[in-house]
Amino acid sequence: MLTAPGDNHGLPSVMATIALRRARWRAEHLGIDVPEADLLLLVDSIGPDAAVISLTYPAARRGARRLARALEGVGVPTLVGRPGATLADLLDELRERTAKPR
């Protein structure tokens, strides 16, 4: 769990991390403004089931999409938060994308 590049709103991603953990996902909060190269190195070393990008600032949408494409390109199913989506919606989508019942 991390925020979109350029989106410095850390609280929503912390809250989402907590909710993912309560839904029995092993979730790590990576913070805000994680450099893409560092994130890809981390992904390569730990092999996560999925990545979730928090997006609260509409102007950061382009960076979120670019980061999601990079993660998808290395085989990591990636979700990007969106206005109006509930956490339940995102959890359902995460389950569908990873095809792993939780």
Protein backbone atom coordinates (compact mmCIF):
# COMPACT_ATOMS: atom_id res chain seq x y z
CA MET A 1 0.00 0.00 0.00
CA LEU A 2 1.39 3.35 -1.03
CA THR A 3 0.22 6.69 -2.32
CA ALA A 4 0.31 7.82 -5.91
CA PRO A 5 3.35 9.86 -6.93
CA GLY A 6 2.65 13.49 -6.10
CA ASP A 7 -0.14 12.61 -3.66
CA ASN A 8 1.11 13.46 -0.18
CA HIS A 9 -2.07 12.43 1.64
CA GLY A 10 -0.73 9.61 3.79
CA LEU A 11 -3.67 9.09 6.15
CA PRO A 12 -6.02 7.44 3.60
CA SER A 13 -3.36 4.90 2.66
CA VAL A 14 -2.67 4.13 6.34
CA MET A 15 -6.40 3.62 6.89
CA ALA A 16 -6.62 1.35 3.85
CA THR A 17 -3.65 -0.67 5.09
CA ILE A 18 -5.40 -1.20 8.41
CA ALA A 19 -8.60 -2.24 6.65
CA LEU A 20 -6.71 -4.70 4.44
CA ARG A 21 -5.12 -6.23 7.51
CA ARG A 22 -8.51 -6.56 9.18
CA ALA A 23 -9.69 -8.36 6.04
CA ARG A 24 -6.82 -10.79 6.65
CA TRP A 25 -4.48 -9.56 3.91
CA ARG A 26 -0.81 -9.30 4.78
CA ALA A 27 -0.45 -5.63 3.99
CA GLU A 28 2.54 -3.34 4.30
CA HIS A 29 2.32 0.44 4.22
CA LEU A 30 5.18 1.82 2.15
CA GLY A 31 4.34 5.50 2.59
CA ILE A 32 4.20 8.43 0.22
CA ASP A 33 6.35 9.34 -2.78
CA VAL A 34 8.08 5.97 -3.02
CA PRO A 35 10.46 6.23 -5.99
CA GLU A 36 9.36 3.92 -8.80
CA ALA A 37 12.79 2.32 -9.19
CA ASP A 38 12.91 1.51 -5.47
CA LEU A 39 9.39 0.11 -5.55
CA LEU A 40 10.20 -2.16 -8.48
CA LEU A 41 13.30 -3.45 -6.67
CA LEU A 42 11.21 -4.19 -3.59
CA VAL A 43 8.53 -5.92 -5.65
CA ASP A 44 11.19 -8.05 -7.30
CA SER A 45 12.61 -9.10 -3.95
CA ILE A 46 9.37 -9.91 -2.10
CA GLY A 47 6.97 -11.01 -4.86
CA PRO A 48 3.73 -9.50 -3.54
CA ASP A 49 0.30 -10.86 -4.49
CA ALA A 50 -0.85 -7.34 -5.36
CA ALA A 51 -0.17 -3.63 -4.97
CA VAL A 52 -2.66 -0.97 -3.96
CA ILE A 53 -2.08 2.68 -4.77
CA SER A 54 -4.02 5.24 -2.75
CA LEU A 55 -5.21 8.21 -4.78
CA THR A 56 -6.83 11.18 -3.06
CA TYR A 57 -5.47 14.08 -5.12
CA PRO A 58 -6.97 14.10 -8.65
CA ALA A 59 -3.89 15.75 -10.16
CA ALA A 60 -1.86 12.66 -9.16
CA ARG A 61 -4.00 10.33 -11.30
CA ARG A 62 -1.55 10.31 -14.23
CA GLY A 63 1.36 9.31 -11.97
CA ALA A 64 -0.77 6.61 -10.35
CA ARG A 65 -1.65 5.13 -13.72
CA ARG A 66 1.99 5.19 -14.84
CA LEU A 67 3.08 3.44 -11.64
CA ALA A 68 0.28 0.89 -11.99
CA ARG A 69 1.40 0.09 -15.56
CA ALA A 70 4.98 -0.41 -14.33
CA LEU A 71 3.83 -2.78 -11.59
CA GLU A 72 1.50 -4.67 -13.93
CA GLY A 73 4.42 -4.90 -16.37
CA VAL A 74 6.38 -6.94 -13.83
CA GLY A 75 3.39 -9.17 -13.08
CA VAL A 76 1.93 -7.51 -9.98
CA PRO A 77 -1.86 -7.04 -10.05
CA THR A 78 -2.37 -3.40 -9.11
CA LEU A 79 -5.36 -1.42 -7.91
CA VAL A 80 -5.59 2.34 -7.92
CA GLY A 81 -8.03 3.96 -5.53
CA ARG A 82 -10.68 6.16 -7.05
CA PRO A 83 -13.20 8.70 -5.83
CA GLY A 84 -16.48 7.16 -4.71
CA ALA A 85 -15.13 3.63 -4.38
CA THR A 86 -15.77 2.09 -1.01
CA LEU A 87 -13.20 -0.05 0.69
CA ALA A 88 -15.54 -3.02 0.19
CA ASP A 89 -15.52 -2.30 -3.57
CA LEU A 90 -11.74 -2.22 -3.62
CA LEU A 91 -11.44 -5.41 -1.55
CA ASP A 92 -13.80 -7.21 -3.94
CA GLU A 93 -11.76 -5.99 -6.89
CA LEU A 94 -8.53 -7.03 -5.19
CA ARG A 95 -9.89 -10.54 -4.60
CA GLU A 96 -10.96 -10.77 -8.25
CA ARG A 97 -7.61 -9.52 -9.55
CA THR A 98 -5.57 -11.91 -7.47
CA ALA A 99 -7.99 -14.85 -7.79
CA LYS A 100 -7.13 -15.86 -4.26
CA PRO A 101 -9.94 -16.27 -1.76
CA ARG A 102 -9.28 -14.62 1.59
